[in-house]
Amino acid sequence: MPFGASTPTPQLGEIETLVVGSRVLACDGGDGPLGHPRVWLRIVESQTFCPYCSRVYVLDQNAADAGDTGH
């Protein structure tokens, strides 16, 4: 994806990618108390990432709301 595109790109380093079934999700970094504050994320196109832990969330193409971009 080109720099400056509407979908954010994660920071360099180890990146965990998770396939999800909803455009709206929460990330707390996992690891219980060693995680980070819970943030709510929205997938606009096909993926988004957490600004704290850089996990990449990819929308499952078979998800019920995969065709709905929230507009």
Foldseek 3Di string as FASTA:
>chain_A
DDPPDPADAFDDDDEAEEEDQAQKDWDQQDPPPPGHDIDIGGHQQAWHADNPPGHIYGYDCPHPCNVPNPD
